[in-house]
C-alpha atoms as a PDB file:
ATOM      1  CA  MET A   1       6.448  18.442  18.808  1.00  0.00           C
ATOM      2  CA  ALA A   2       3.378  15.911  17.663  1.00  0.00           C
ATOM      3  CA  ARG A   3       4.354  12.722  15.070  1.00  0.00           C
ATOM      4  CA  LYS A   4       2.753  12.700  11.505  1.00  0.00           C
ATOM      5  CA  LYS A   5       0.415   9.924  11.094  1.00  0.00           C
ATOM      6  CA  GLU A   6       1.638   7.543   9.177  1.00  0.00           C
ATOM      7  CA  GLN A   7      -0.431   7.410   6.025  1.00  0.00           C
ATOM      8  CA  THR A   8      -3.122   3.950   5.190  1.00  0.00           C
ATOM      9  CA  PHE A   9      -3.143   2.116   2.024  1.00  0.00           C
ATOM     10  CA  GLU A  10      -6.297   3.546   1.570  1.00  0.00           C
ATOM     11  CA  GLU A  11      -5.048   6.950   1.588  1.00  0.00           C
ATOM     12  CA  ALA A  12      -1.865   6.296  -0.621  1.00  0.00           C
ATOM     13  CA  LEU A  13      -4.305   4.556  -3.234  1.00  0.00           C
ATOM     14  CA  SER A  14      -6.679   7.252  -3.469  1.00  0.00           C
ATOM     15  CA  GLN A  15      -3.953  10.148  -3.577  1.00  0.00           C
ATOM     16  CA  LEU A  16      -2.644   7.938  -6.623  1.00  0.00           C
ATOM     17  CA  GLU A  17      -5.528   7.878  -8.396  1.00  0.00           C
ATOM     18  CA  GLN A  18      -6.111  11.322  -7.734  1.00  0.00           C
ATOM     19  CA  ILE A  19      -2.474  12.185  -9.601  1.00  0.00           C
ATOM     20  CA  VAL A  20      -3.693   9.794 -12.232  1.00  0.00           C
ATOM     21  CA  SER A  21      -6.543  11.642 -13.117  1.00  0.00           C
ATOM     22  CA  GLU A  22      -5.007  15.023 -13.049  1.00  0.00           C
ATOM     23  CA  ILE A  23      -2.204  13.457 -15.010  1.00  0.00           C
ATOM     24  CA  GLU A  24      -4.507  12.375 -17.991  1.00  0.00           C
ATOM     25  CA  GLY A  25      -6.215  15.348 -17.729  1.00  0.00           C
ATOM     26  CA  GLY A  26      -3.559  16.442 -19.917  1.00  0.00           C
ATOM     27  CA  GLU A  27      -3.874  20.526 -18.922  1.00  0.00           C
ATOM     28  CA  MET A  28      -0.787  20.421 -16.536  1.00  0.00           C
ATOM     29  CA  PRO A  29       2.651  21.833 -17.336  1.00  0.00           C
ATOM     30  CA  LEU A  30       5.655  20.017 -17.633  1.00  0.00           C
ATOM     31  CA  ALA A  31       7.454  20.351 -14.056  1.00  0.00           C
ATOM     32  CA  ASP A  32       3.886  19.799 -12.531  1.00  0.00           C
ATOM     33  CA  LEU A  33       3.695  16.926 -14.390  1.00  0.00           C
ATOM     34  CA  MET A  34       7.509  15.519 -13.708  1.00  0.00           C
ATOM     35  CA  ALA A  35       6.940  15.965  -9.914  1.00  0.00           C
ATOM     36  CA  LYS A  36       3.161  14.488  -9.577  1.00  0.00           C
ATOM     37  CA  TYR A  37       4.591  11.791 -11.396  1.00  0.00           C
ATOM     38  CA  SER A  38       7.587  11.213  -9.032  1.00  0.00           C
ATOM     39  CA  GLU A  39       5.088  11.932  -5.919  1.00  0.00           C
ATOM     40  CA  GLY A  40       2.858   8.830  -8.183  1.00  0.00           C
ATOM     41  CA  ILE A  41       6.087   6.943  -8.495  1.00  0.00           C
ATOM     42  CA  LYS A  42       6.510   7.059  -4.363  1.00  0.00           C
ATOM     43  CA  LEU A  43       2.964   6.089  -3.640  1.00  0.00           C
ATOM     44  CA  SER A  44       2.576   2.895  -5.910  1.00  0.00           C
ATOM     45  CA  ASP A  45       5.997   1.616  -3.618  1.00  0.00           C
ATOM     46  CA  PHE A  46       4.175   2.080  -0.222  1.00  0.00           C
ATOM     47  CA  CYS A  47       1.223   0.703  -1.789  1.00  0.00           C
ATOM     48  CA  VAL A  48       2.815  -1.944  -3.164  1.00  0.00           C
ATOM     49  CA  LYS A  49       4.690  -2.827  -0.185  1.00  0.00           C
ATOM     50  CA  SER A  50       1.663  -2.524   1.901  1.00  0.00           C
ATOM     51  CA  LEU A  51       0.218  -5.431  -0.106  1.00  0.00           C
ATOM     52  CA  LYS A  52       2.906  -7.032  -0.067  1.00  0.00           C
ATOM     53  CA  ARG A  53       3.014  -6.951   3.814  1.00  0.00           C
ATOM     54  CA  ALA A  54      -0.880  -7.697   3.923  1.00  0.00           C
ATOM     55  CA  GLU A  55       0.033 -10.610   2.071  1.00  0.00           C
ATOM     56  CA  GLU A  56       2.753 -12.343   4.336  1.00  0.00           C
ATOM     57  CA  THR A  57       0.054 -11.903   7.058  1.00  0.00           C
ATOM     58  CA  MET A  58      -2.335 -13.485   5.557  1.00  0.00           C
ATOM     59  CA  ASP A  59      -0.092 -16.478   5.029  1.00  0.00           C
ATOM     60  CA  LEU A  60      -0.307 -17.311   8.325  1.00  0.00           C
ATOM     61  CA  LEU A  61      -2.702 -19.273   9.571  1.00  0.00           C
ATOM     62  CA  VAL A  62      -3.902 -18.707  13.392  1.00  0.00           C
ATOM     63  CA  THR A  63      -4.956 -21.348  15.313  1.00  0.00           C
ATOM     64  CA  GLU A  64      -5.632 -21.658  18.617  1.00  0.00           C
ATOM     65  CA  THR A  65      -4.699 -24.916  20.524  1.00  0.00           C
ATOM     66  CA  ALA A  66      -4.217 -25.710  24.353  1.00  0.00           C
ATOM     67  CA  ASP A  67      -1.086 -23.893  24.750  1.00  0.00           C
ATOM     68  CA  GLY A  68      -2.463 -20.341  23.576  1.00  0.00           C
ATOM     69  CA  VAL A  69      -2.297 -19.445  20.198  1.00  0.00           C
ATOM     70  CA  ARG A  70      -0.086 -20.754  17.277  1.00  0.00           C
ATOM     71  CA  GLU A  71       0.602 -19.272  13.589  1.00  0.00           C
ATOM     72  CA  GLU A  72       1.405 -21.449  10.629  1.00  0.00           C
ATOM     73  CA  GLU A  73       2.082 -21.089   7.137  1.00  0.00           C
ATOM     74  CA  LEU A  74      -0.824 -21.558   5.165  1.00  0.00           C
ATOM     75  CA  ARG A  75      -0.695 -23.623   2.830  1.00  0.00           C
ATOM     76  CA  ILE A  76      -3.137 -23.935  -0.362  1.00  0.00           C
ATOM     77  CA  GLY A  77      -2.800 -26.508  -2.755  1.00  0.00           C
ATOM     78  CA  GLY A  78      -0.730 -29.853  -2.542  1.00  0.00           C
END
């Protein structure tokens, strides 16, 4: 059985935007609204976690040295 492709941040954000648009439309039955809301919460959590991982990655400064590549935490200010 083939593995399911992992969702990207952009895909999740697009789906979340679609859900928000559908909910804001106000034409959805309550049961569907609750299901969409739940799905939106999961997508939002995925997006927040993805952004946090990206932020942590950006906090590392990769510098090349004579011995190879070295990662250092990026310090801004002081």
